[in-house]
Amino acid sequence: MAESYYICLDIGGTKILGAIFNSKKEIVYRLKKKTKADGDSVQNVEDTIISVVSEMLEGFSIDKSQVAAIAAGAPGVIDQDKGIVLESPNLPWKNYDIKTPIEKKFGVPFFIGNDVNVGVLGEYEYGVAKGCKNVVGLFVGTGMGGGLILDGKLFTGHLFKGAEFGHMIVVPDGPRCNCGQRGCLEALSSKQGISDYIRQQAGRGRETSMADAVADGVFKSKLLKKALKAKDPVSVEAVERACYYLAIASGNLVNTFSPEIVVYGGGVIEACGDYFLDSIRKNVDRYCMPSIRKTVRFEKAALGDDSILYGDLAMILAKKK
């Protein structure tokens, strides 16, 4: 009997990562492609997803009949039961049924969930949170995503809108967030928030090696890593500030859920995780009840860029049970 495979996707605003898993849960093929989320074209993104899957089948020399299922993590509020993207901040999708065209094209089941929810699920099943029953996840990228496992189950809240930890208010009347509120964790501790702070300081005449990197938007994570290694004062200050607010948010989440572990993931943590974790651990005790703090660990994601891909696999295998 021919082996069956699983195709897993991490759909972002700028790129799609794809992986083929074999039946032993090993990644046997990878592909990365730009998303082409230009303007308001829903079709562009759908076409790119289809082309990524098609290219992977061709590149690994398998037929779609050998694929048991396809799954994806994507940004936004997603109805996991129906495969509908209700809204997405970085993609031109609103109340969009992505499930039907993918299943029609490839003739296999397709599952989709919020990217950070799926990433936390990946760490819970296969990564640093394996063996835990209650897990809080904070993924630091251009924005700030959250995920929550309660009693061994992914918690998505009413209408799949839960665990938006990036929009916890940590500074009332603080900087404006893209969501329209002020003082969100995302506005202070994401790439966007850190970039805004560095840009502001450079505008005041302070010297920083990151001035060009943030001039027109957000920095690349590897440049921040380089600046921290060189002890660039403004970059160090910006990250210490971000970690201070991450520690406040983490303490509140620990007091609320009493998880065994808080997992930090995303591109910034992948590049600069040790620096962030050291700073968060240094500050977090002030914001946790001591009795709860004693029973929780603060760790970076073990699967790195693959957290979402492994979460996709977990979604597929859970549906097969």
C-alpha atoms as a PDB file:
ATOM      1  CA  MET A   1       0.000   0.000   0.000  1.00  0.00           C
ATOM      2  CA  ALA A   2       1.389   3.411  -1.030  1.00  0.00           C
ATOM      3  CA  GLU A   3       2.360   5.771   1.773  1.00  0.00           C
ATOM      4  CA  SER A   4       0.042   8.716   2.398  1.00  0.00           C
ATOM      5  CA  TYR A   5       1.282  12.257   2.994  1.00  0.00           C
ATOM      6  CA  TYR A   6       0.016  15.450   4.638  1.00  0.00           C
ATOM      7  CA  ILE A   7       0.505  18.908   3.148  1.00  0.00           C
ATOM      8  CA  CYS A   8       0.818  21.716   5.707  1.00  0.00           C
ATOM      9  CA  LEU A   9       0.906  25.454   5.020  1.00  0.00           C
ATOM     10  CA  ASP A  10       1.818  28.600   6.928  1.00  0.00           C
ATOM     11  CA  ILE A  11       0.033  31.434   5.097  1.00  0.00           C
ATOM     12  CA  GLY A  12       1.320  34.933   5.871  1.00  0.00           C
ATOM     13  CA  GLY A  13       0.816  38.394   4.435  1.00  0.00           C
ATOM     14  CA  THR A  14       4.124  38.208   2.552  1.00  0.00           C
ATOM     15  CA  LYS A  15       4.937  34.518   2.150  1.00  0.00           C
ATOM     16  CA  ILE A  16       3.533  30.998   2.213  1.00  0.00           C
ATOM     17  CA  LEU A  17       5.640  28.230   3.757  1.00  0.00           C
ATOM     18  CA  GLY A  18       4.725  24.717   2.714  1.00  0.00           C
ATOM     19  CA  ALA A  19       5.802  21.309   3.970  1.00  0.00           C
ATOM     20  CA  ILE A  20       4.999  17.710   3.132  1.00  0.00           C
ATOM     21  CA  PHE A  21       4.903  15.332   6.114  1.00  0.00           C
ATOM     22  CA  ASN A  22       5.148  11.573   5.744  1.00  0.00           C
ATOM     23  CA  SER A  23       3.203   9.094   7.899  1.00  0.00           C
ATOM     24  CA  LYS A  24       6.046   9.117  10.467  1.00  0.00           C
ATOM     25  CA  LYS A  25       5.369  12.855  11.060  1.00  0.00           C
ATOM     26  CA  GLU A  26       8.644  13.847   9.392  1.00  0.00           C
ATOM     27  CA  ILE A  27       9.008  16.794   6.997  1.00  0.00           C
ATOM     28  CA  VAL A  28      10.215  15.349   3.712  1.00  0.00           C
ATOM     29  CA  TYR A  29       9.806  18.391   1.431  1.00  0.00           C
ATOM     30  CA  ARG A  30       9.618  22.176   1.843  1.00  0.00           C
ATOM     31  CA  LEU A  31       8.695  25.166  -0.311  1.00  0.00           C
ATOM     32  CA  LYS A  32       8.477  28.919   0.261  1.00  0.00           C
ATOM     33  CA  LYS A  33       6.710  31.368  -2.029  1.00  0.00           C
ATOM     34  CA  LYS A  34       5.659  35.036  -1.920  1.00  0.00           C
ATOM     35  CA  THR A  35       1.976  35.478  -1.114  1.00  0.00           C
ATOM     36  CA  LYS A  36       1.094  38.175  -3.692  1.00  0.00           C
ATOM     37  CA  ALA A  37      -1.566  39.669  -1.424  1.00  0.00           C
ATOM     38  CA  ASP A  38      -1.705  42.757  -3.641  1.00  0.00           C
ATOM     39  CA  GLY A  39      -4.622  45.143  -3.327  1.00  0.00           C
ATOM     40  CA  ASP A  40      -7.976  43.536  -2.730  1.00  0.00           C
ATOM     41  CA  SER A  41      -7.501  40.469  -4.876  1.00  0.00           C
ATOM     42  CA  VAL A  42      -8.894  37.429  -3.080  1.00  0.00           C
ATOM     43  CA  GLN A  43      -8.014  35.335  -6.109  1.00  0.00           C
ATOM     44  CA  ASN A  44      -4.277  36.120  -5.950  1.00  0.00           C
ATOM     45  CA  VAL A  45      -3.856  34.468  -2.552  1.00  0.00           C
ATOM     46  CA  GLU A  46      -6.058  31.501  -3.440  1.00  0.00           C
ATOM     47  CA  ASP A  47      -4.107  30.986  -6.684  1.00  0.00           C
ATOM     48  CA  THR A  48      -0.802  31.155  -4.792  1.00  0.00           C
ATOM     49  CA  ILE A  49      -1.967  28.526  -2.280  1.00  0.00           C
ATOM     50  CA  ILE A  50      -3.033  26.231  -5.127  1.00  0.00           C
ATOM     51  CA  SER A  51       0.266  26.797  -6.964  1.00  0.00           C
ATOM     52  CA  VAL A  52       2.293  26.076  -3.785  1.00  0.00           C
ATOM     53  CA  VAL A  53       0.466  22.772  -3.257  1.00  0.00           C
ATOM     54  CA  SER A  54       0.785  21.879  -6.955  1.00  0.00           C
ATOM     55  CA  GLU A  55       4.509  22.690  -7.024  1.00  0.00           C
ATOM     56  CA  MET A  56       5.084  20.616  -3.891  1.00  0.00           C
ATOM     57  CA  LEU A  57       3.330  17.609  -5.407  1.00  0.00           C
ATOM     58  CA  GLU A  58       5.445  17.980  -8.540  1.00  0.00           C
ATOM     59  CA  GLY A  59       8.689  18.703  -6.641  1.00  0.00           C
ATOM     60  CA  PHE A  60       8.311  15.650  -4.403  1.00  0.00           C
ATOM     61  CA  SER A  61       6.970  13.540  -7.297  1.00  0.00           C
ATOM     62  CA  ILE A  62       3.711  12.412  -5.718  1.00  0.00           C
ATOM     63  CA  ASP A  63       0.139  12.465  -6.984  1.00  0.00           C
ATOM     64  CA  LYS A  64      -2.725  14.186  -5.147  1.00  0.00           C
ATOM     65  CA  SER A  65      -4.225  10.719  -4.602  1.00  0.00           C
ATOM     66  CA  GLN A  66      -1.340  10.064  -2.168  1.00  0.00           C
ATOM     67  CA  VAL A  67      -2.277  13.111  -0.048  1.00  0.00           C
ATOM     68  CA  ALA A  68      -4.533  12.345   2.932  1.00  0.00           C
ATOM     69  CA  ALA A  69      -5.303  15.980   3.810  1.00  0.00           C
ATOM     70  CA  ILE A  70      -4.148  19.605   3.531  1.00  0.00           C
ATOM     71  CA  ALA A  71      -4.120  22.079   6.439  1.00  0.00           C
ATOM     72  CA  ALA A  72      -3.110  25.704   6.920  1.00  0.00           C
ATOM     73  CA  GLY A  73      -2.592  28.360   9.543  1.00  0.00           C
ATOM     74  CA  ALA A  74      -3.387  31.941   8.484  1.00  0.00           C
ATOM     75  CA  PRO A  75      -3.708  35.313  10.224  1.00  0.00           C
ATOM     76  CA  GLY A  76      -7.141  36.508  11.301  1.00  0.00           C
ATOM     77  CA  VAL A  77     -10.409  35.297  12.765  1.00  0.00           C
ATOM     78  CA  ILE A  78     -11.134  31.906  11.246  1.00  0.00           C
ATOM     79  CA  ASP A  79     -14.103  29.586  11.634  1.00  0.00           C
ATOM     80  CA  GLN A  80     -12.171  26.325  11.960  1.00  0.00           C
ATOM     81  CA  ASP A  81     -15.314  24.185  11.701  1.00  0.00           C
ATOM     82  CA  LYS A  82     -16.418  25.626   8.334  1.00  0.00           C
ATOM     83  CA  GLY A  83     -13.052  26.690   6.880  1.00  0.00           C
ATOM     84  CA  ILE A  84     -14.151  30.305   6.511  1.00  0.00           C
ATOM     85  CA  VAL A  85     -11.809  33.268   7.053  1.00  0.00           C
ATOM     86  CA  LEU A  86     -14.127  35.754   8.793  1.00  0.00           C
ATOM     87  CA  GLU A  87     -11.558  38.565   8.643  1.00  0.00           C
ATOM     88  CA  SER A  88      -7.809  38.849   8.223  1.00  0.00           C
ATOM     89  CA  PRO A  89      -5.558  41.855   8.932  1.00  0.00           C
ATOM     90  CA  ASN A  90      -2.921  41.089   6.287  1.00  0.00           C
ATOM     91  CA  LEU A  91      -4.910  39.301   3.598  1.00  0.00           C
ATOM     92  CA  PRO A  92      -7.817  40.513   1.408  1.00  0.00           C
ATOM     93  CA  TRP A  93     -10.276  37.992   2.895  1.00  0.00           C
ATOM     94  CA  LYS A  94     -13.580  38.693   4.642  1.00  0.00           C
ATOM     95  CA  ASN A  95     -16.200  35.952   5.228  1.00  0.00           C
ATOM     96  CA  TYR A  96     -14.231  33.973   2.670  1.00  0.00           C
ATOM     97  CA  ASP A  97     -14.753  30.262   2.136  1.00  0.00           C
ATOM     98  CA  ILE A  98     -11.245  29.019   1.361  1.00  0.00           C
ATOM     99  CA  LYS A  99     -12.090  25.385   2.138  1.00  0.00           C
ATOM    100  CA  THR A 100     -14.368  24.727  -0.864  1.00  0.00           C
ATOM    101  CA  PRO A 101     -12.003  25.756  -3.715  1.00  0.00           C
ATOM    102  CA  ILE A 102      -9.026  23.900  -2.207  1.00  0.00           C
ATOM    103  CA  GLU A 103     -11.024  20.696  -1.658  1.00  0.00           C
ATOM    104  CA  LYS A 104     -12.528  20.991  -5.158  1.00  0.00           C
ATOM    105  CA  LYS A 105      -9.075  21.395  -6.727  1.00  0.00           C
ATOM    106  CA  PHE A 106      -7.274  18.585  -4.877  1.00  0.00           C
ATOM    107  CA  GLY A 107     -10.090  16.253  -3.802  1.00  0.00           C
ATOM    108  CA  VAL A 108      -8.874  15.916  -0.210  1.00  0.00           C
ATOM    109  CA  PRO A 109     -10.036  17.376   3.134  1.00  0.00           C
ATOM    110  CA  PHE A 110      -8.749  20.900   3.919  1.00  0.00           C
ATOM    111  CA  PHE A 111      -8.506  22.406   7.409  1.00  0.00           C
ATOM    112  CA  ILE A 112      -7.571  25.941   8.419  1.00  0.00           C
ATOM    113  CA  GLY A 113      -7.104  27.800  11.707  1.00  0.00           C
ATOM    114  CA  ASN A 114      -5.685  31.040  13.088  1.00  0.00           C
ATOM    115  CA  ASP A 115      -1.904  30.911  12.642  1.00  0.00           C
ATOM    116  CA  VAL A 116      -0.909  31.530  16.262  1.00  0.00           C
ATOM    117  CA  ASN A 117      -3.580  29.176  17.620  1.00  0.00           C
ATOM    118  CA  VAL A 118      -2.200  26.552  15.247  1.00  0.00           C
ATOM    119  CA  GLY A 119       1.412  27.380  16.209  1.00  0.00           C
ATOM    120  CA  VAL A 120       0.649  26.950  19.912  1.00  0.00           C
ATOM    121  CA  LEU A 121      -1.075  23.652  19.077  1.00  0.00           C
ATOM    122  CA  GLY A 122       2.102  22.561  17.268  1.00  0.00           C
ATOM    123  CA  GLU A 123       4.251  23.347  20.328  1.00  0.00           C
ATOM    124  CA  TYR A 124       1.725  21.540  22.557  1.00  0.00           C
ATOM    125  CA  GLU A 125       1.711  18.361  20.467  1.00  0.00           C
ATOM    126  CA  TYR A 126       5.326  18.211  19.271  1.00  0.00           C
ATOM    127  CA  GLY A 127       7.385  21.033  20.806  1.00  0.00           C
ATOM    128  CA  VAL A 128       8.359  22.644  24.068  1.00  0.00           C
ATOM    129  CA  ALA A 129       4.863  22.332  25.616  1.00  0.00           C
ATOM    130  CA  LYS A 130       4.509  18.593  24.968  1.00  0.00           C
ATOM    131  CA  GLY A 131       3.103  16.865  28.060  1.00  0.00           C
ATOM    132  CA  CYS A 132       1.452  20.036  29.405  1.00  0.00           C
ATOM    133  CA  LYS A 133      -2.320  20.425  29.728  1.00  0.00           C
ATOM    134  CA  ASN A 134      -2.541  24.230  30.064  1.00  0.00           C
ATOM    135  CA  VAL A 135      -0.444  26.395  27.759  1.00  0.00           C
ATOM    136  CA  VAL A 136      -0.333  30.137  27.041  1.00  0.00           C
ATOM    137  CA  GLY A 137       1.351  31.230  23.808  1.00  0.00           C
ATOM    138  CA  LEU A 138       2.573  34.681  22.741  1.00  0.00           C
ATOM    139  CA  PHE A 139       3.989  34.941  19.218  1.00  0.00           C
ATOM    140  CA  VAL A 140       5.973  38.099  18.499  1.00  0.00           C
ATOM    141  CA  GLY A 141       6.108  39.072  14.839  1.00  0.00           C
ATOM    142  CA  THR A 142       5.080  42.167  12.889  1.00  0.00           C
ATOM    143  CA  GLY A 143       2.029  42.032  15.167  1.00  0.00           C
ATOM    144  CA  MET A 144       1.403  40.037  18.328  1.00  0.00           C
ATOM    145  CA  GLY A 145      -0.640  36.844  18.370  1.00  0.00           C
ATOM    146  CA  GLY A 146      -1.900  34.684  21.192  1.00  0.00           C
ATOM    147  CA  GLY A 147      -2.927  31.068  21.646  1.00  0.00           C
ATOM    148  CA  LEU A 148      -4.333  29.081  24.542  1.00  0.00           C
ATOM    149  CA  ILE A 149      -4.597  25.395  25.420  1.00  0.00           C
ATOM    150  CA  LEU A 150      -6.918  24.726  28.369  1.00  0.00           C
ATOM    151  CA  ASP A 151      -7.249  21.235  29.840  1.00  0.00           C
ATOM    152  CA  GLY A 152      -5.619  19.757  26.744  1.00  0.00           C
ATOM    153  CA  LYS A 153      -7.868  21.512  24.214  1.00  0.00           C
ATOM    154  CA  LEU A 154      -7.293  24.512  21.978  1.00  0.00           C
ATOM    155  CA  PHE A 155      -9.461  27.367  23.299  1.00  0.00           C
ATOM    156  CA  THR A 156     -10.763  29.687  20.576  1.00  0.00           C
ATOM    157  CA  GLY A 157     -13.582  31.451  22.425  1.00  0.00           C
ATOM    158  CA  HIS A 158     -16.986  32.588  21.182  1.00  0.00           C
ATOM    159  CA  LEU A 159     -17.083  32.691  17.358  1.00  0.00           C
ATOM    160  CA  PHE A 160     -13.338  31.840  17.221  1.00  0.00           C
ATOM    161  CA  LYS A 161     -12.335  35.311  18.475  1.00  0.00           C
ATOM    162  CA  GLY A 162     -10.608  34.276  21.723  1.00  0.00           C
ATOM    163  CA  ALA A 163      -6.997  34.525  22.950  1.00  0.00           C
ATOM    164  CA  GLU A 164      -6.266  37.904  21.330  1.00  0.00           C
ATOM    165  CA  PHE A 165      -3.554  38.506  23.912  1.00  0.00           C
ATOM    166  CA  GLY A 166      -1.812  41.051  21.672  1.00  0.00           C
ATOM    167  CA  HIS A 167      -4.728  43.400  22.306  1.00  0.00           C
ATOM    168  CA  MET A 168      -4.541  43.294  26.080  1.00  0.00           C
ATOM    169  CA  ILE A 169      -4.266  46.927  27.223  1.00  0.00           C
ATOM    170  CA  VAL A 170      -1.011  47.352  29.151  1.00  0.00           C
ATOM    171  CA  VAL A 171      -0.774  51.177  28.962  1.00  0.00           C
ATOM    172  CA  PRO A 172      -4.123  53.005  29.085  1.00  0.00           C
ATOM    173  CA  ASP A 173      -3.941  55.892  26.579  1.00  0.00           C
ATOM    174  CA  GLY A 174      -0.640  54.481  25.250  1.00  0.00           C
ATOM    175  CA  PRO A 175       0.393  54.392  21.567  1.00  0.00           C
ATOM    176  CA  ARG A 176      -2.324  53.685  19.039  1.00  0.00           C
ATOM    177  CA  CYS A 177      -2.582  50.114  17.809  1.00  0.00           C
ATOM    178  CA  ASN A 178      -3.642  49.026  14.301  1.00  0.00           C
ATOM    179  CA  CYS A 179      -6.814  47.617  15.877  1.00  0.00           C
ATOM    180  CA  GLY A 180      -7.907  51.159  16.799  1.00  0.00           C
ATOM    181  CA  GLN A 181      -7.326  50.887  20.551  1.00  0.00           C
ATOM    182  CA  ARG A 182      -4.544  52.547  22.498  1.00  0.00           C
ATOM    183  CA  GLY A 183      -1.864  50.891  24.621  1.00  0.00           C
ATOM    184  CA  CYS A 184      -2.221  47.314  23.327  1.00  0.00           C
ATOM    185  CA  LEU A 185       0.627  44.894  23.955  1.00  0.00           C
ATOM    186  CA  GLU A 186       1.016  44.679  20.158  1.00  0.00           C
ATOM    187  CA  ALA A 187       1.548  48.443  19.886  1.00  0.00           C
ATOM    188  CA  LEU A 188       4.418  48.233  22.386  1.00  0.00           C
ATOM    189  CA  SER A 189       6.109  44.846  22.066  1.00  0.00           C
ATOM    190  CA  SER A 190       5.711  43.646  18.454  1.00  0.00           C
ATOM    191  CA  LYS A 191       8.083  44.423  15.578  1.00  0.00           C
ATOM    192  CA  GLN A 192       5.747  47.299  14.794  1.00  0.00           C
ATOM    193  CA  GLY A 193       5.954  48.641  18.352  1.00  0.00           C
ATOM    194  CA  ILE A 194       9.726  48.223  18.634  1.00  0.00           C
ATOM    195  CA  SER A 195      10.227  49.836  15.197  1.00  0.00           C
ATOM    196  CA  ASP A 196       8.016  52.796  16.127  1.00  0.00           C
ATOM    197  CA  TYR A 197      10.047  53.389  19.283  1.00  0.00           C
ATOM    198  CA  ILE A 198      13.421  53.195  17.489  1.00  0.00           C
ATOM    199  CA  ARG A 199      12.141  55.512  14.722  1.00  0.00           C
ATOM    200  CA  GLN A 200      10.913  57.980  17.342  1.00  0.00           C
ATOM    201  CA  GLN A 201      14.285  57.994  19.130  1.00  0.00           C
ATOM    202  CA  ALA A 202      16.211  58.370  15.840  1.00  0.00           C
ATOM    203  CA  GLY A 203      13.910  61.307  15.007  1.00  0.00           C
ATOM    204  CA  ARG A 204      15.064  62.952  18.225  1.00  0.00           C
ATOM    205  CA  GLY A 205      18.633  62.799  16.995  1.00  0.00           C
ATOM    206  CA  ARG A 206      19.828  59.702  18.859  1.00  0.00           C
ATOM    207  CA  GLU A 207      22.412  57.565  17.083  1.00  0.00           C
ATOM    208  CA  THR A 208      21.329  54.009  16.266  1.00  0.00           C
ATOM    209  CA  SER A 209      22.465  51.393  13.759  1.00  0.00           C
ATOM    210  CA  MET A 210      18.766  50.552  13.229  1.00  0.00           C
ATOM    211  CA  ALA A 211      17.766  53.985  11.840  1.00  0.00           C
ATOM    212  CA  ASP A 212      17.712  52.844   8.187  1.00  0.00           C
ATOM    213  CA  ALA A 213      16.088  49.501   9.069  1.00  0.00           C
ATOM    214  CA  VAL A 214      13.009  51.232  10.542  1.00  0.00           C
ATOM    215  CA  ALA A 215      12.890  54.316   8.287  1.00  0.00           C
ATOM    216  CA  ASP A 216      10.066  53.038   6.078  1.00  0.00           C
ATOM    217  CA  GLY A 217       8.450  50.319   8.181  1.00  0.00           C
ATOM    218  CA  VAL A 218       9.479  47.404  10.379  1.00  0.00           C
ATOM    219  CA  PHE A 219      12.972  45.943  10.725  1.00  0.00           C
ATOM    220  CA  LYS A 220      14.096  42.472   9.681  1.00  0.00           C
ATOM    221  CA  SER A 221      14.584  40.343  12.807  1.00  0.00           C
ATOM    222  CA  LYS A 222      18.172  39.415  11.919  1.00  0.00           C
ATOM    223  CA  LEU A 223      19.117  43.123  11.910  1.00  0.00           C
ATOM    224  CA  LEU A 224      17.733  43.536  15.418  1.00  0.00           C
ATOM    225  CA  LYS A 225      19.747  40.502  16.526  1.00  0.00           C
ATOM    226  CA  LYS A 226      22.895  42.108  15.104  1.00  0.00           C
ATOM    227  CA  ALA A 227      22.134  45.436  16.843  1.00  0.00           C
ATOM    228  CA  LEU A 228      21.570  43.714  20.195  1.00  0.00           C
ATOM    229  CA  LYS A 229      24.833  41.802  19.840  1.00  0.00           C
ATOM    230  CA  ALA A 230      26.623  45.102  19.179  1.00  0.00           C
ATOM    231  CA  LYS A 231      24.856  46.614  22.220  1.00  0.00           C
ATOM    232  CA  ASP A 232      23.302  49.414  20.175  1.00  0.00           C
ATOM    233  CA  PRO A 233      21.846  51.568  23.002  1.00  0.00           C
ATOM    234  CA  VAL A 234      18.543  52.507  21.338  1.00  0.00           C
ATOM    235  CA  SER A 235      17.880  48.922  20.208  1.00  0.00           C
ATOM    236  CA  VAL A 236      18.675  47.543  23.671  1.00  0.00           C
ATOM    237  CA  GLU A 237      16.356  50.139  25.216  1.00  0.00           C
ATOM    238  CA  ALA A 238      13.564  49.372  22.717  1.00  0.00           C
ATOM    239  CA  VAL A 239      13.752  45.634  23.420  1.00  0.00           C
ATOM    240  CA  GLU A 240      13.955  46.114  27.202  1.00  0.00           C
ATOM    241  CA  ARG A 241      10.801  48.246  26.922  1.00  0.00           C
ATOM    242  CA  ALA A 242       9.074  45.574  24.796  1.00  0.00           C
ATOM    243  CA  CYS A 243      10.048  42.853  27.289  1.00  0.00           C
ATOM    244  CA  TYR A 244       8.840  44.930  30.235  1.00  0.00           C
ATOM    245  CA  TYR A 245       5.342  45.012  28.741  1.00  0.00           C
ATOM    246  CA  LEU A 246       5.565  41.355  27.696  1.00  0.00           C
ATOM    247  CA  ALA A 247       6.386  40.548  31.342  1.00  0.00           C
ATOM    248  CA  ILE A 248       3.334  42.501  32.556  1.00  0.00           C
ATOM    249  CA  ALA A 249       1.084  40.718  30.051  1.00  0.00           C
ATOM    250  CA  SER A 250       2.640  37.338  30.867  1.00  0.00           C
ATOM    251  CA  GLY A 251       2.110  37.874  34.593  1.00  0.00           C
ATOM    252  CA  ASN A 252      -1.545  38.710  34.036  1.00  0.00           C
ATOM    253  CA  LEU A 253      -1.992  35.617  31.863  1.00  0.00           C
ATOM    254  CA  VAL A 254      -0.248  33.424  34.443  1.00  0.00           C
ATOM    255  CA  ASN A 255      -2.512  34.754  37.208  1.00  0.00           C
ATOM    256  CA  THR A 256      -5.592  34.210  35.029  1.00  0.00           C
ATOM    257  CA  PHE A 257      -4.921  30.712  33.656  1.00  0.00           C
ATOM    258  CA  SER A 258      -2.196  29.158  35.843  1.00  0.00           C
ATOM    259  CA  PRO A 259      -0.563  27.395  32.873  1.00  0.00           C
ATOM    260  CA  GLU A 260       2.326  24.973  33.212  1.00  0.00           C
ATOM    261  CA  ILE A 261       4.173  26.920  30.521  1.00  0.00           C
ATOM    262  CA  VAL A 262       4.148  30.225  28.652  1.00  0.00           C
ATOM    263  CA  VAL A 263       5.581  29.748  25.149  1.00  0.00           C
ATOM    264  CA  TYR A 264       7.058  32.631  23.144  1.00  0.00           C
ATOM    265  CA  GLY A 265       7.324  32.179  19.383  1.00  0.00           C
ATOM    266  CA  GLY A 266       7.321  34.123  16.124  1.00  0.00           C
ATOM    267  CA  GLY A 267      10.056  35.647  13.981  1.00  0.00           C
ATOM    268  CA  VAL A 268      11.438  38.022  16.614  1.00  0.00           C
ATOM    269  CA  ILE A 269      11.772  35.251  19.206  1.00  0.00           C
ATOM    270  CA  GLU A 270      13.284  32.936  16.586  1.00  0.00           C
ATOM    271  CA  ALA A 271      16.019  35.538  15.970  1.00  0.00           C
ATOM    272  CA  CYS A 272      16.475  37.085  19.442  1.00  0.00           C
ATOM    273  CA  GLY A 273      14.742  34.635  21.780  1.00  0.00           C
ATOM    274  CA  ASP A 274      17.421  34.284  24.464  1.00  0.00           C
ATOM    275  CA  TYR A 275      17.649  38.041  24.918  1.00  0.00           C
ATOM    276  CA  PHE A 276      13.849  38.358  25.198  1.00  0.00           C
ATOM    277  CA  LEU A 277      13.456  35.386  27.541  1.00  0.00           C
ATOM    278  CA  ASP A 278      16.194  36.587  29.897  1.00  0.00           C
ATOM    279  CA  SER A 279      14.572  40.002  30.141  1.00  0.00           C
ATOM    280  CA  ILE A 280      11.022  38.645  30.576  1.00  0.00           C
ATOM    281  CA  ARG A 281      12.091  36.196  33.293  1.00  0.00           C
ATOM    282  CA  LYS A 282      13.963  39.024  35.075  1.00  0.00           C
ATOM    283  CA  ASN A 283      10.802  41.172  35.233  1.00  0.00           C
ATOM    284  CA  VAL A 284       7.873  38.765  35.398  1.00  0.00           C
ATOM    285  CA  ASP A 285       8.015  37.885  39.114  1.00  0.00           C
ATOM    286  CA  ARG A 286       6.708  41.352  39.945  1.00  0.00           C
ATOM    287  CA  TYR A 287       3.473  40.619  38.070  1.00  0.00           C
ATOM    288  CA  CYS A 288       2.703  37.038  39.164  1.00  0.00           C
ATOM    289  CA  MET A 289       1.262  35.729  42.391  1.00  0.00           C
ATOM    290  CA  PRO A 290       4.248  33.887  43.948  1.00  0.00           C
ATOM    291  CA  SER A 291       2.287  30.683  44.523  1.00  0.00           C
ATOM    292  CA  ILE A 292       1.334  30.529  40.816  1.00  0.00           C
ATOM    293  CA  ARG A 293       4.730  31.693  39.549  1.00  0.00           C
ATOM    294  CA  LYS A 294       6.401  28.687  41.195  1.00  0.00           C
ATOM    295  CA  THR A 295       4.531  26.246  38.960  1.00  0.00           C
ATOM    296  CA  VAL A 296       5.015  27.892  35.532  1.00  0.00           C
ATOM    297  CA  ARG A 297       7.905  27.877  33.040  1.00  0.00           C
ATOM    298  CA  PHE A 298       8.689  30.581  30.472  1.00  0.00           C
ATOM    299  CA  GLU A 299      10.223  29.107  27.305  1.00  0.00           C
ATOM    300  CA  LYS A 300      10.771  29.899  23.650  1.00  0.00           C
ATOM    301  CA  ALA A 301       9.110  27.756  20.989  1.00  0.00           C
ATOM    302  CA  ALA A 302      11.156  24.667  20.170  1.00  0.00           C
ATOM    303  CA  LEU A 303       9.928  24.261  16.600  1.00  0.00           C
ATOM    304  CA  GLY A 304      10.849  27.775  15.416  1.00  0.00           C
ATOM    305  CA  ASP A 305       9.456  28.560  11.964  1.00  0.00           C
ATOM    306  CA  ASP A 306       7.858  25.093  11.877  1.00  0.00           C
ATOM    307  CA  SER A 307       5.464  25.589  14.837  1.00  0.00           C
ATOM    308  CA  ILE A 308       2.524  26.363  12.543  1.00  0.00           C
ATOM    309  CA  LEU A 309       3.350  23.514  10.143  1.00  0.00           C
ATOM    310  CA  TYR A 310       3.366  21.008  13.017  1.00  0.00           C
ATOM    311  CA  GLY A 311       0.144  22.558  14.337  1.00  0.00           C
ATOM    312  CA  ASP A 312      -1.414  21.928  10.917  1.00  0.00           C
ATOM    313  CA  LEU A 313      -0.388  18.295  11.217  1.00  0.00           C
ATOM    314  CA  ALA A 314      -1.950  18.137  14.689  1.00  0.00           C
ATOM    315  CA  MET A 315      -5.209  19.588  13.276  1.00  0.00           C
ATOM    316  CA  ILE A 316      -5.298  16.941  10.555  1.00  0.00           C
ATOM    317  CA  LEU A 317      -4.582  14.034  12.885  1.00  0.00           C
ATOM    318  CA  ALA A 318      -7.164  15.277  15.423  1.00  0.00           C
ATOM    319  CA  LYS A 319      -9.829  15.299  12.682  1.00  0.00           C
ATOM    320  CA  LYS A 320      -8.892  11.735  11.678  1.00  0.00           C
ATOM    321  CA  LYS A 321      -9.550  10.361  15.194  1.00  0.00           C
END
